[in-house]
């Protein structure tokens, strides 16, 4: 994950714009807010990234708004009928919910890939 920056619980994927000759990013996953940042150097990019998040958080505080989180802890997963059926049957065999089965699978996958 070399192209991901993190700050104060927020993260963004970094891209390079050949057209603009700069690095740029956007905080993904926010429904009601857009946070963009850029820089011609990595140092400028990091500063603008942190400044953008600090500005957002300060603005939320001044407006008495709760800052949005990028991940809410729930998501919809489209497995297809066959995989969904197999997962449900396995969850019944294991005496756990299908959500717990999928959560365990993601945890196991992340352990393997790290």
PDB file of N, CA and C in Angstrom:
ATOM      1  N   UNK A   1       0.822  -1.186   0.000  1.00  0.00           N
ATOM      2  CA  UNK A   1       0.000   0.000   0.000  1.00  0.00           C
ATOM      3  C   UNK A   1       0.867   1.251   0.000  1.00  0.00           C
ATOM      4  N   UNK A   2       1.780   1.306  -0.885  1.00  0.00           N
ATOM      5  CA  UNK A   2       2.698   2.438  -0.962  1.00  0.00           C
ATOM      6  C   UNK A   2       2.010   3.716  -1.393  1.00  0.00           C
ATOM      7  N   UNK A   3       0.872   3.632  -2.012  1.00  0.00           N
ATOM      8  CA  UNK A   3       0.213   4.824  -2.540  1.00  0.00           C
ATOM      9  C   UNK A   3      -0.964   5.283  -1.682  1.00  0.00           C
ATOM     10  N   UNK A   4      -0.945   4.938  -0.390  1.00  0.00           N
ATOM     11  CA  UNK A   4      -2.008   5.365   0.514  1.00  0.00           C
ATOM     12  C   UNK A   4      -1.398   6.209   1.634  1.00  0.00           C
ATOM     13  N   UNK A   5      -1.995   7.369   1.863  1.00  0.00           N
ATOM     14  CA  UNK A   5      -1.582   8.235   2.963  1.00  0.00           C
ATOM     15  C   UNK A   5      -2.644   8.166   4.051  1.00  0.00           C
ATOM     16  N   UNK A   6      -2.206   8.255   5.328  1.00  0.00           N
ATOM     17  CA  UNK A   6      -3.121   8.193   6.464  1.00  0.00           C
ATOM     18  C   UNK A   6      -2.839   9.363   7.400  1.00  0.00           C
ATOM     19  N   UNK A   7      -3.920   9.883   7.989  1.00  0.00           N
ATOM     20  CA  UNK A   7      -3.802  10.976   8.942  1.00  0.00           C
ATOM     21  C   UNK A   7      -5.099  11.098   9.728  1.00  0.00           C
ATOM     22  N   UNK A   8      -4.990  11.082  11.054  1.00  0.00           N
ATOM     23  CA  UNK A   8      -6.130  11.263  11.956  1.00  0.00           C
ATOM     24  C   UNK A   8      -7.314  10.352  11.627  1.00  0.00           C
ATOM     25  N   UNK A   9      -7.002   9.111  11.254  1.00  0.00           N
ATOM     26  CA  UNK A   9      -8.054   8.140  10.973  1.00  0.00           C
ATOM     27  C   UNK A   9      -8.620   8.200   9.564  1.00  0.00           C
ATOM     28  N   UNK A  10      -8.119   9.109   8.746  1.00  0.00           N
ATOM     29  CA  UNK A  10      -8.559   9.217   7.349  1.00  0.00           C
ATOM     30  C   UNK A  10      -7.437   8.725   6.446  1.00  0.00           C
ATOM     31  N   UNK A  11      -7.811   8.262   5.283  1.00  0.00           N
ATOM     32  CA  UNK A  11      -6.816   7.778   4.325  1.00  0.00           C
ATOM     33  C   UNK A  11      -7.254   8.141   2.911  1.00  0.00           C
ATOM     34  N   UNK A  12      -6.273   8.158   2.031  1.00  0.00           N
ATOM     35  CA  UNK A  12      -6.553   8.463   0.623  1.00  0.00           C
ATOM     36  C   UNK A  12      -5.522   7.776  -0.255  1.00  0.00           C
ATOM     37  N   UNK A  13      -5.946   7.378  -1.418  1.00  0.00           N
ATOM     38  CA  UNK A  13      -5.043   6.828  -2.424  1.00  0.00           C
ATOM     39  C   UNK A  13      -4.432   7.995  -3.194  1.00  0.00           C
ATOM     40  N   UNK A  14      -3.140   7.942  -3.385  1.00  0.00           N
ATOM     41  CA  UNK A  14      -2.417   9.006  -4.071  1.00  0.00           C
ATOM     42  C   UNK A  14      -2.235   8.636  -5.542  1.00  0.00           C
ATOM     43  N   UNK A  15      -2.430   9.601  -6.391  1.00  0.00           N
ATOM     44  CA  UNK A  15      -2.236   9.424  -7.840  1.00  0.00           C
ATOM     45  C   UNK A  15      -1.338  10.528  -8.355  1.00  0.00           C
ATOM     46  N   UNK A  16      -0.792  10.288  -9.519  1.00  0.00           N
ATOM     47  CA  UNK A  16       0.017  11.313 -10.163  1.00  0.00           C
ATOM     48  C   UNK A  16      -0.694  11.754 -11.439  1.00  0.00           C
ATOM     49  N   UNK A  17      -0.869  13.055 -11.605  1.00  0.00           N
ATOM     50  CA  UNK A  17      -1.488  13.600 -12.801  1.00  0.00           C
ATOM     51  C   UNK A  17      -0.382  14.074 -13.730  1.00  0.00           C
ATOM     52  N   UNK A  18      -0.195  13.354 -14.820  1.00  0.00           N
ATOM     53  CA  UNK A  18       0.824  13.733 -15.797  1.00  0.00           C
ATOM     54  C   UNK A  18       0.449  15.067 -16.455  1.00  0.00           C
ATOM     55  N   UNK A  19      -0.837  15.244 -16.675  1.00  0.00           N
ATOM     56  CA  UNK A  19      -1.336  16.461 -17.309  1.00  0.00           C
ATOM     57  C   UNK A  19      -1.028  17.706 -16.458  1.00  0.00           C
ATOM     58  N   UNK A  20      -1.270  17.608 -15.153  1.00  0.00           N
ATOM     59  CA  UNK A  20      -1.037  18.731 -14.244  1.00  0.00           C
ATOM     60  C   UNK A  20       0.355  18.716 -13.620  1.00  0.00           C
ATOM     61  N   UNK A  21       1.072  17.624 -13.824  1.00  0.00           N
ATOM     62  CA  UNK A  21       2.404  17.426 -13.261  1.00  0.00           C
ATOM     63  C   UNK A  21       2.423  17.613 -11.751  1.00  0.00           C
ATOM     64  N   UNK A  22       1.464  16.916 -11.092  1.00  0.00           N
ATOM     65  CA  UNK A  22       1.429  16.976  -9.636  1.00  0.00           C
ATOM     66  C   UNK A  22       0.810  15.689  -9.091  1.00  0.00           C
ATOM     67  N   UNK A  23       1.046  15.481  -7.801  1.00  0.00           N
ATOM     68  CA  UNK A  23       0.401  14.396  -7.077  1.00  0.00           C
ATOM     69  C   UNK A  23      -0.942  14.908  -6.582  1.00  0.00           C
ATOM     70  N   UNK A  24      -1.923  14.019  -6.506  1.00  0.00           N
ATOM     71  CA  UNK A  24      -3.234  14.441  -6.038  1.00  0.00           C
ATOM     72  C   UNK A  24      -3.928  13.286  -5.327  1.00  0.00           C
ATOM     73  N   UNK A  25      -4.919  13.634  -4.548  1.00  0.00           N
ATOM     74  CA  UNK A  25      -5.672  12.616  -3.839  1.00  0.00           C
ATOM     75  C   UNK A  25      -7.034  13.125  -3.433  1.00  0.00           C
ATOM     76  N   UNK A  26      -7.858  12.192  -3.031  1.00  0.00           N
ATOM     77  CA  UNK A  26      -9.217  12.487  -2.571  1.00  0.00           C
ATOM     78  C   UNK A  26      -9.521  11.523  -1.435  1.00  0.00           C
ATOM     79  N   UNK A  27     -10.110  12.037  -0.363  1.00  0.00           N
ATOM     80  CA  UNK A  27     -10.545  11.177   0.730  1.00  0.00           C
ATOM     81  C   UNK A  27     -11.774  10.431   0.237  1.00  0.00           C
ATOM     82  N   UNK A  28     -11.655   9.122   0.104  1.00  0.00           N
ATOM     83  CA  UNK A  28     -12.746   8.294  -0.426  1.00  0.00           C
ATOM     84  C   UNK A  28     -13.733   7.913   0.668  1.00  0.00           C
ATOM     85  N   UNK A  29     -14.952   7.607   0.266  1.00  0.00           N
ATOM     86  CA  UNK A  29     -15.929   7.019   1.155  1.00  0.00           C
ATOM     87  C   UNK A  29     -16.780   7.993   1.948  1.00  0.00           C
ATOM     88  N   UNK A  30     -16.629   9.276   1.731  1.00  0.00           N
ATOM     89  CA  UNK A  30     -17.466  10.251   2.437  1.00  0.00           C
ATOM     90  C   UNK A  30     -18.671  10.569   1.567  1.00  0.00           C
ATOM     91  N   UNK A  31     -19.863  10.470   2.117  1.00  0.00           N
ATOM     92  CA  UNK A  31     -21.080  10.690   1.338  1.00  0.00           C
ATOM     93  C   UNK A  31     -21.392  12.168   1.129  1.00  0.00           C
ATOM     94  N   UNK A  32     -21.132  12.979   2.157  1.00  0.00           N
ATOM     95  CA  UNK A  32     -21.583  14.366   2.117  1.00  0.00           C
ATOM     96  C   UNK A  32     -20.459  15.389   2.033  1.00  0.00           C
ATOM     97  N   UNK A  33     -19.243  14.943   1.919  1.00  0.00           N
ATOM     98  CA  UNK A  33     -18.099  15.860   1.909  1.00  0.00           C
ATOM     99  C   UNK A  33     -17.110  15.465   0.827  1.00  0.00           C
ATOM    100  N   UNK A  34     -16.513  16.462   0.215  1.00  0.00           N
ATOM    101  CA  UNK A  34     -15.442  16.237  -0.758  1.00  0.00           C
ATOM    102  C   UNK A  34     -14.162  16.847  -0.215  1.00  0.00           C
ATOM    103  N   UNK A  35     -13.143  16.024  -0.087  1.00  0.00           N
ATOM    104  CA  UNK A  35     -11.852  16.508   0.391  1.00  0.00           C
ATOM    105  C   UNK A  35     -10.800  16.111  -0.633  1.00  0.00           C
ATOM    106  N   UNK A  36     -10.297  17.109  -1.353  1.00  0.00           N
ATOM    107  CA  UNK A  36      -9.246  16.921  -2.344  1.00  0.00           C
ATOM    108  C   UNK A  36      -7.977  17.598  -1.856  1.00  0.00           C
ATOM    109  N   UNK A  37      -6.831  17.138  -2.336  1.00  0.00           N
ATOM    110  CA  UNK A  37      -5.556  17.762  -2.006  1.00  0.00           C
ATOM    111  C   UNK A  37      -4.561  17.445  -3.110  1.00  0.00           C
ATOM    112  N   UNK A  38      -3.486  18.249  -3.164  1.00  0.00           N
ATOM    113  CA  UNK A  38      -2.486  18.041  -4.209  1.00  0.00           C
ATOM    114  C   UNK A  38      -1.169  18.673  -3.801  1.00  0.00           C
ATOM    115  N   UNK A  39      -0.135  18.339  -4.559  1.00  0.00           N
ATOM    116  CA  UNK A  39       1.175  18.931  -4.340  1.00  0.00           C
ATOM    117  C   UNK A  39       2.117  18.544  -5.457  1.00  0.00           C
ATOM    118  N   UNK A  40       3.014  19.448  -5.777  1.00  0.00           N
ATOM    119  CA  UNK A  40       3.997  19.153  -6.818  1.00  0.00           C
ATOM    120  C   UNK A  40       5.113  18.258  -6.299  1.00  0.00           C
ATOM    121  N   UNK A  41       5.326  18.268  -4.984  1.00  0.00           N
ATOM    122  CA  UNK A  41       6.319  17.392  -4.364  1.00  0.00           C
ATOM    123  C   UNK A  41       5.617  16.557  -3.300  1.00  0.00           C
ATOM    124  N   UNK A  42       6.286  15.519  -2.846  1.00  0.00           N
ATOM    125  CA  UNK A  42       5.716  14.685  -1.794  1.00  0.00           C
ATOM    126  C   UNK A  42       5.519  15.522  -0.533  1.00  0.00           C
ATOM    127  N   UNK A  43       6.464  16.374  -0.230  1.00  0.00           N
ATOM    128  CA  UNK A  43       6.358  17.231   0.954  1.00  0.00           C
ATOM    129  C   UNK A  43       5.125  18.140   0.860  1.00  0.00           C
ATOM    130  N   UNK A  44       4.905  18.754  -0.301  1.00  0.00           N
ATOM    131  CA  UNK A  44       3.724  19.609  -0.509  1.00  0.00           C
ATOM    132  C   UNK A  44       2.445  18.785  -0.407  1.00  0.00           C
ATOM    133  N   UNK A  45       2.472  17.588  -0.985  1.00  0.00           N
ATOM    134  CA  UNK A  45       1.307  16.705  -0.966  1.00  0.00           C
ATOM    135  C   UNK A  45       0.924  16.347   0.477  1.00  0.00           C
ATOM    136  N   UNK A  46       1.917  15.949   1.264  1.00  0.00           N
ATOM    137  CA  UNK A  46       1.647  15.584   2.657  1.00  0.00           C
ATOM    138  C   UNK A  46       1.075  16.762   3.430  1.00  0.00           C
ATOM    139  N   UNK A  47       1.640  17.936   3.222  1.00  0.00           N
ATOM    140  CA  UNK A  47       1.157  19.129   3.926  1.00  0.00           C
ATOM    141  C   UNK A  47      -0.277  19.446   3.526  1.00  0.00           C
ATOM    142  N   UNK A  48      -0.575  19.430   2.231  1.00  0.00           N
ATOM    143  CA  UNK A  48      -1.932  19.743   1.768  1.00  0.00           C
ATOM    144  C   UNK A  48      -2.931  18.689   2.248  1.00  0.00           C
ATOM    145  N   UNK A  49      -2.515  17.428   2.287  1.00  0.00           N
ATOM    146  CA  UNK A  49      -3.347  16.332   2.793  1.00  0.00           C
ATOM    147  C   UNK A  49      -3.732  16.600   4.247  1.00  0.00           C
ATOM    148  N   UNK A  50      -2.735  16.875   5.078  1.00  0.00           N
ATOM    149  CA  UNK A  50      -2.989  17.132   6.496  1.00  0.00           C
ATOM    150  C   UNK A  50      -3.797  18.412   6.687  1.00  0.00           C
ATOM    151  N   UNK A  51      -3.464  19.438   5.952  1.00  0.00           N
ATOM    152  CA  UNK A  51      -4.206  20.705   6.049  1.00  0.00           C
ATOM    153  C   UNK A  51      -5.670  20.525   5.665  1.00  0.00           C
ATOM    154  N   UNK A  52      -5.922  19.732   4.627  1.00  0.00           N
ATOM    155  CA  UNK A  52      -7.297  19.510   4.163  1.00  0.00           C
ATOM    156  C   UNK A  52      -8.121  18.780   5.230  1.00  0.00           C
ATOM    157  N   UNK A  53      -7.514  17.788   5.868  1.00  0.00           N
ATOM    158  CA  UNK A  53      -8.232  17.045   6.905  1.00  0.00           C
ATOM    159  C   UNK A  53      -8.439  17.926   8.131  1.00  0.00           C
ATOM    160  N   UNK A  54      -7.403  18.664   8.531  1.00  0.00           N
ATOM    161  CA  UNK A  54      -7.544  19.575   9.677  1.00  0.00           C
ATOM    162  C   UNK A  54      -8.629  20.616   9.416  1.00  0.00           C
ATOM    163  N   UNK A  55      -8.676  21.152   8.204  1.00  0.00           N
ATOM    164  CA  UNK A  55      -9.706  22.125   7.846  1.00  0.00           C
ATOM    165  C   UNK A  55     -11.091  21.501   7.950  1.00  0.00           C
ATOM    166  N   UNK A  56     -11.234  20.293   7.427  1.00  0.00           N
ATOM    167  CA  UNK A  56     -12.510  19.584   7.481  1.00  0.00           C
ATOM    168  C   UNK A  56     -12.945  19.372   8.931  1.00  0.00           C
ATOM    169  N   UNK A  57     -12.047  18.876   9.763  1.00  0.00           N
ATOM    170  CA  UNK A  57     -12.377  18.603  11.163  1.00  0.00           C
ATOM    171  C   UNK A  57     -12.694  19.891  11.928  1.00  0.00           C
ATOM    172  N   UNK A  58     -11.923  20.943  11.672  1.00  0.00           N
ATOM    173  CA  UNK A  58     -12.199  22.238  12.314  1.00  0.00           C
ATOM    174  C   UNK A  58     -13.555  22.787  11.885  1.00  0.00           C
ATOM    175  N   UNK A  59     -13.870  22.638  10.608  1.00  0.00           N
ATOM    176  CA  UNK A  59     -15.153  23.095  10.079  1.00  0.00           C
ATOM    177  C   UNK A  59     -16.312  22.320  10.707  1.00  0.00           C
ATOM    178  N   UNK A  60     -16.136  21.020  10.856  1.00  0.00           N
ATOM    179  CA  UNK A  60     -17.170  20.202  11.504  1.00  0.00           C
ATOM    180  C   UNK A  60     -17.374  20.656  12.950  1.00  0.00           C
ATOM    181  N   UNK A  61     -16.278  20.883  13.643  1.00  0.00           N
ATOM    182  CA  UNK A  61     -16.365  21.315  15.046  1.00  0.00           C
ATOM    183  C   UNK A  61     -17.072  22.664  15.154  1.00  0.00           C
ATOM    184  N   UNK A  62     -16.721  23.604  14.287  1.00  0.00           N
ATOM    185  CA  UNK A  62     -17.334  24.941  14.320  1.00  0.00           C
ATOM    186  C   UNK A  62     -18.823  24.885  13.988  1.00  0.00           C
ATOM    187  N   UNK A  63     -19.219  23.887  13.202  1.00  0.00           N
ATOM    188  CA  UNK A  63     -20.624  23.743  12.795  1.00  0.00           C
ATOM    189  C   UNK A  63     -21.400  22.770  13.676  1.00  0.00           C
ATOM    190  N   UNK A  64     -20.747  22.263  14.705  1.00  0.00           N
ATOM    191  CA  UNK A  64     -21.367  21.247  15.575  1.00  0.00           C
ATOM    192  C   UNK A  64     -21.838  20.030  14.787  1.00  0.00           C
ATOM    193  N   UNK A  65     -21.045  19.631  13.789  1.00  0.00           N
ATOM    194  CA  UNK A  65     -21.361  18.447  12.990  1.00  0.00           C
ATOM    195  C   UNK A  65     -20.391  17.331  13.357  1.00  0.00           C
ATOM    196  N   UNK A  66     -20.881  16.128  13.343  1.00  0.00           N
ATOM    197  CA  UNK A  66     -20.017  14.973  13.577  1.00  0.00           C
ATOM    198  C   UNK A  66     -19.290  14.660  12.276  1.00  0.00           C
ATOM    199  N   UNK A  67     -17.951  14.593  12.294  1.00  0.00           N
ATOM    200  CA  UNK A  67     -17.204  14.272  11.077  1.00  0.00           C
ATOM    201  C   UNK A  67     -17.588  12.887  10.548  1.00  0.00           C
ATOM    202  N   UNK A  68     -17.703  12.785   9.256  1.00  0.00           N
ATOM    203  CA  UNK A  68     -18.011  11.496   8.632  1.00  0.00           C
ATOM    204  C   UNK A  68     -16.835  10.544   8.770  1.00  0.00           C
ATOM    205  N   UNK A  69     -17.145   9.270   8.814  1.00  0.00           N
ATOM    206  CA  UNK A  69     -16.147   8.212   8.781  1.00  0.00           C
ATOM    207  C   UNK A  69     -16.153   7.607   7.383  1.00  0.00           C
ATOM    208  N   UNK A  70     -14.987   7.160   6.935  1.00  0.00           N
ATOM    209  CA  UNK A  70     -14.901   6.577   5.602  1.00  0.00           C
ATOM    210  C   UNK A  70     -15.543   5.201   5.540  1.00  0.00           C
ATOM    211  N   UNK A  71     -15.400   4.440   6.596  1.00  0.00           N
ATOM    212  CA  UNK A  71     -15.981   3.102   6.647  1.00  0.00           C
ATOM    213  C   UNK A  71     -16.939   3.034   7.822  1.00  0.00           C
ATOM    214  N   UNK A  72     -18.111   2.532   7.577  1.00  0.00           N
ATOM    215  CA  UNK A  72     -19.170   2.518   8.586  1.00  0.00           C
ATOM    216  C   UNK A  72     -19.215   1.209   9.380  1.00  0.00           C
ATOM    217  N   UNK A  73     -18.578   0.167   8.870  1.00  0.00           N
ATOM    218  CA  UNK A  73     -18.612  -1.116   9.555  1.00  0.00           C
ATOM    219  C   UNK A  73     -19.609  -2.096   8.969  1.00  0.00           C
ATOM    220  N   UNK A  74     -20.351  -1.661   7.986  1.00  0.00           N
ATOM    221  CA  UNK A  74     -21.272  -2.566   7.299  1.00  0.00           C
ATOM    222  C   UNK A  74     -21.179  -2.292   5.801  1.00  0.00           C
ATOM    223  N   UNK A  75     -21.423  -3.339   5.023  1.00  0.00           N
ATOM    224  CA  UNK A  75     -21.401  -3.185   3.573  1.00  0.00           C
ATOM    225  C   UNK A  75     -22.235  -4.288   2.933  1.00  0.00           C
ATOM    226  N   UNK A  76     -22.637  -4.054   1.714  1.00  0.00           N
ATOM    227  CA  UNK A  76     -23.362  -5.063   0.944  1.00  0.00           C
ATOM    228  C   UNK A  76     -22.353  -5.824   0.098  1.00  0.00           C
ATOM    229  N   UNK A  77     -22.467  -7.138   0.129  1.00  0.00           N
ATOM    230  CA  UNK A  77     -21.566  -7.989  -0.651  1.00  0.00           C
ATOM    231  C   UNK A  77     -22.410  -8.785  -1.634  1.00  0.00           C
ATOM    232  N   UNK A  78     -22.074  -8.716  -2.895  1.00  0.00           N
ATOM    233  CA  UNK A  78     -22.784  -9.468  -3.923  1.00  0.00           C
ATOM    234  C   UNK A  78     -21.941 -10.693  -4.276  1.00  0.00           C
ATOM    235  N   UNK A  79     -22.442 -11.852  -3.876  1.00  0.00           N
ATOM    236  CA  UNK A  79     -21.684 -13.084  -4.038  1.00  0.00           C
ATOM    237  C   UNK A  79     -22.112 -13.917  -5.237  1.00  0.00           C
ATOM    238  N   UNK A  80     -23.296 -13.693  -5.727  1.00  0.00           N
ATOM    239  CA  UNK A  80     -23.865 -14.602  -6.718  1.00  0.00           C
ATOM    240  C   UNK A  80     -24.605 -15.711  -5.984  1.00  0.00           C
ATOM    241  N   UNK A  81     -25.546 -16.326  -6.647  1.00  0.00           N
ATOM    242  CA  UNK A  81     -26.423 -17.311  -6.004  1.00  0.00           C
ATOM    243  C   UNK A  81     -25.645 -18.519  -5.483  1.00  0.00           C
ATOM    244  N   UNK A  82     -24.765 -19.108  -6.296  1.00  0.00           N
ATOM    245  CA  UNK A  82     -24.062 -20.322  -5.879  1.00  0.00           C
ATOM    246  C   UNK A  82     -23.173 -20.088  -4.663  1.00  0.00           C
ATOM    247  N   UNK A  83     -22.367 -19.020  -4.691  1.00  0.00           N
ATOM    248  CA  UNK A  83     -21.474 -18.740  -3.571  1.00  0.00           C
ATOM    249  C   UNK A  83     -22.267 -18.354  -2.322  1.00  0.00           C
ATOM    250  N   UNK A  84     -23.347 -17.604  -2.502  1.00  0.00           N
ATOM    251  CA  UNK A  84     -24.197 -17.238  -1.379  1.00  0.00           C
ATOM    252  C   UNK A  84     -24.777 -18.489  -0.722  1.00  0.00           C
ATOM    253  N   UNK A  85     -25.258 -19.419  -1.535  1.00  0.00           N
ATOM    254  CA  UNK A  85     -25.827 -20.667  -1.019  1.00  0.00           C
ATOM    255  C   UNK A  85     -24.779 -21.465  -0.242  1.00  0.00           C
ATOM    256  N   UNK A  86     -23.591 -21.609  -0.819  1.00  0.00           N
ATOM    257  CA  UNK A  86     -22.516 -22.354  -0.141  1.00  0.00           C
ATOM    258  C   UNK A  86     -22.127 -21.681   1.170  1.00  0.00           C
ATOM    259  N   UNK A  87     -22.035 -20.357   1.158  1.00  0.00           N
ATOM    260  CA  UNK A  87     -21.681 -19.631   2.379  1.00  0.00           C
ATOM    261  C   UNK A  87     -22.749 -19.811   3.448  1.00  0.00           C
ATOM    262  N   UNK A  88     -24.007 -19.719   3.065  1.00  0.00           N
ATOM    263  CA  UNK A  88     -25.101 -19.882   4.025  1.00  0.00           C
ATOM    264  C   UNK A  88     -25.091 -21.284   4.611  1.00  0.00           C
ATOM    265  N   UNK A  89     -24.896 -22.290   3.761  1.00  0.00           N
ATOM    266  CA  UNK A  89     -24.862 -23.670   4.241  1.00  0.00           C
ATOM    267  C   UNK A  89     -23.694 -23.876   5.213  1.00  0.00           C
ATOM    268  N   UNK A  90     -22.545 -23.300   4.893  1.00  0.00           N
ATOM    269  CA  UNK A  90     -21.374 -23.425   5.764  1.00  0.00           C
ATOM    270  C   UNK A  90     -21.623 -22.724   7.098  1.00  0.00           C
ATOM    271  N   UNK A  91     -22.276 -21.567   7.065  1.00  0.00           N
ATOM    272  CA  UNK A  91     -22.560 -20.851   8.310  1.00  0.00           C
ATOM    273  C   UNK A  91     -23.495 -21.670   9.206  1.00  0.00           C
ATOM    274  N   UNK A  92     -24.430 -22.372   8.602  1.00  0.00           N
ATOM    275  CA  UNK A  92     -25.338 -23.234   9.371  1.00  0.00           C
ATOM    276  C   UNK A  92     -24.556 -24.390   9.993  1.00  0.00           C
ATOM    277  N   UNK A  93     -23.663 -24.994   9.203  1.00  0.00           N
ATOM    278  CA  UNK A  93     -22.821 -26.084   9.718  1.00  0.00           C
ATOM    279  C   UNK A  93     -21.962 -25.627  10.892  1.00  0.00           C
ATOM    280  N   UNK A  94     -21.455 -24.401  10.802  1.00  0.00           N
ATOM    281  CA  UNK A  94     -20.562 -23.865  11.835  1.00  0.00           C
ATOM    282  C   UNK A  94     -21.329 -23.237  13.003  1.00  0.00           C
ATOM    283  N   UNK A  95     -22.642 -23.140  12.889  1.00  0.00           N
ATOM    284  CA  UNK A  95     -23.493 -22.533  13.922  1.00  0.00           C
ATOM    285  C   UNK A  95     -23.142 -21.066  14.150  1.00  0.00           C
ATOM    286  N   UNK A  96     -22.901 -20.362  13.062  1.00  0.00           N
ATOM    287  CA  UNK A  96     -22.631 -18.923  13.120  1.00  0.00           C
ATOM    288  C   UNK A  96     -23.464 -18.238  12.042  1.00  0.00           C
ATOM    289  N   UNK A  97     -23.579 -16.925  12.154  1.00  0.00           N
ATOM    290  CA  UNK A  97     -24.322 -16.184  11.131  1.00  0.00           C
ATOM    291  C   UNK A  97     -23.473 -16.091   9.860  1.00  0.00           C
ATOM    292  N   UNK A  98     -24.145 -15.833   8.759  1.00  0.00           N
ATOM    293  CA  UNK A  98     -23.411 -15.649   7.504  1.00  0.00           C
ATOM    294  C   UNK A  98     -22.513 -14.411   7.584  1.00  0.00           C
ATOM    295  N   UNK A  99     -22.947 -13.395   8.326  1.00  0.00           N
ATOM    296  CA  UNK A  99     -22.091 -12.220   8.521  1.00  0.00           C
ATOM    297  C   UNK A  99     -20.798 -12.595   9.234  1.00  0.00           C
ATOM    298  N   UNK A 100     -20.901 -13.427  10.267  1.00  0.00           N
ATOM    299  CA  UNK A 100     -19.720 -13.872  11.011  1.00  0.00           C
ATOM    300  C   UNK A 100     -18.815 -14.706  10.113  1.00  0.00           C
ATOM    301  N   UNK A 101     -19.395 -15.551   9.277  1.00  0.00           N
ATOM    302  CA  UNK A 101     -18.610 -16.365   8.346  1.00  0.00           C
ATOM    303  C   UNK A 101     -17.814 -15.480   7.391  1.00  0.00           C
ATOM    304  N   UNK A 102     -18.469 -14.489   6.820  1.00  0.00           N
ATOM    305  CA  UNK A 102     -17.804 -13.586   5.878  1.00  0.00           C
ATOM    306  C   UNK A 102     -16.739 -12.755   6.597  1.00  0.00           C
ATOM    307  N   UNK A 103     -17.059 -12.275   7.797  1.00  0.00           N
ATOM    308  CA  UNK A 103     -16.080 -11.521   8.587  1.00  0.00           C
ATOM    309  C   UNK A 103     -14.837 -12.381   8.849  1.00  0.00           C
ATOM    310  N   UNK A 104     -15.037 -13.638   9.249  1.00  0.00           N
ATOM    311  CA  UNK A 104     -13.915 -14.542   9.504  1.00  0.00           C
ATOM    312  C   UNK A 104     -13.088 -14.781   8.244  1.00  0.00           C
ATOM    313  N   UNK A 105     -13.758 -14.885   7.106  1.00  0.00           N
ATOM    314  CA  UNK A 105     -13.057 -15.089   5.837  1.00  0.00           C
ATOM    315  C   UNK A 105     -12.196 -13.879   5.483  1.00  0.00           C
ATOM    316  N   UNK A 106     -12.720 -12.682   5.713  1.00  0.00           N
ATOM    317  CA  UNK A 106     -11.958 -11.465   5.431  1.00  0.00           C
ATOM    318  C   UNK A 106     -10.758 -11.369   6.373  1.00  0.00           C
ATOM    319  N   UNK A 107     -10.957 -11.669   7.651  1.00  0.00           N
ATOM    320  CA  UNK A 107      -9.850 -11.652   8.613  1.00  0.00           C
ATOM    321  C   UNK A 107      -8.763 -12.629   8.189  1.00  0.00           C
ATOM    322  N   UNK A 108      -9.146 -13.841   7.803  1.00  0.00           N
ATOM    323  CA  UNK A 108      -8.183 -14.851   7.377  1.00  0.00           C
ATOM    324  C   UNK A 108      -7.446 -14.399   6.113  1.00  0.00           C
ATOM    325  N   UNK A 109      -8.158 -13.807   5.180  1.00  0.00           N
ATOM    326  CA  UNK A 109      -7.537 -13.319   3.942  1.00  0.00           C
ATOM    327  C   UNK A 109      -6.526 -12.221   4.235  1.00  0.00           C
ATOM    328  N   UNK A 110      -6.889 -11.292   5.096  1.00  0.00           N
ATOM    329  CA  UNK A 110      -5.989 -10.186   5.414  1.00  0.00           C
ATOM    330  C   UNK A 110      -4.744 -10.678   6.150  1.00  0.00           C
ATOM    331  N   UNK A 111      -4.871 -11.685   6.987  1.00  0.00           N
ATOM    332  CA  UNK A 111      -3.702 -12.261   7.664  1.00  0.00           C
ATOM    333  C   UNK A 111      -2.757 -12.892   6.652  1.00  0.00           C
ATOM    334  N   UNK A 112      -3.312 -13.567   5.653  1.00  0.00           N
ATOM    335  CA  UNK A 112      -2.505 -14.225   4.626  1.00  0.00           C
ATOM    336  C   UNK A 112      -1.786 -13.238   3.734  1.00  0.00           C
ATOM    337  N   UNK A 113      -2.390 -12.093   3.464  1.00  0.00           N
ATOM    338  CA  UNK A 113      -1.811 -11.157   2.511  1.00  0.00           C
ATOM    339  C   UNK A 113      -0.887 -10.144   3.175  1.00  0.00           C
ATOM    340  N   UNK A 114      -0.825 -10.107   4.494  1.00  0.00           N
ATOM    341  CA  UNK A 114       0.060  -9.151   5.182  1.00  0.00           C
ATOM    342  C   UNK A 114       1.351  -9.784   5.585  1.00  0.00           C
TER     343      UNK A 114
END
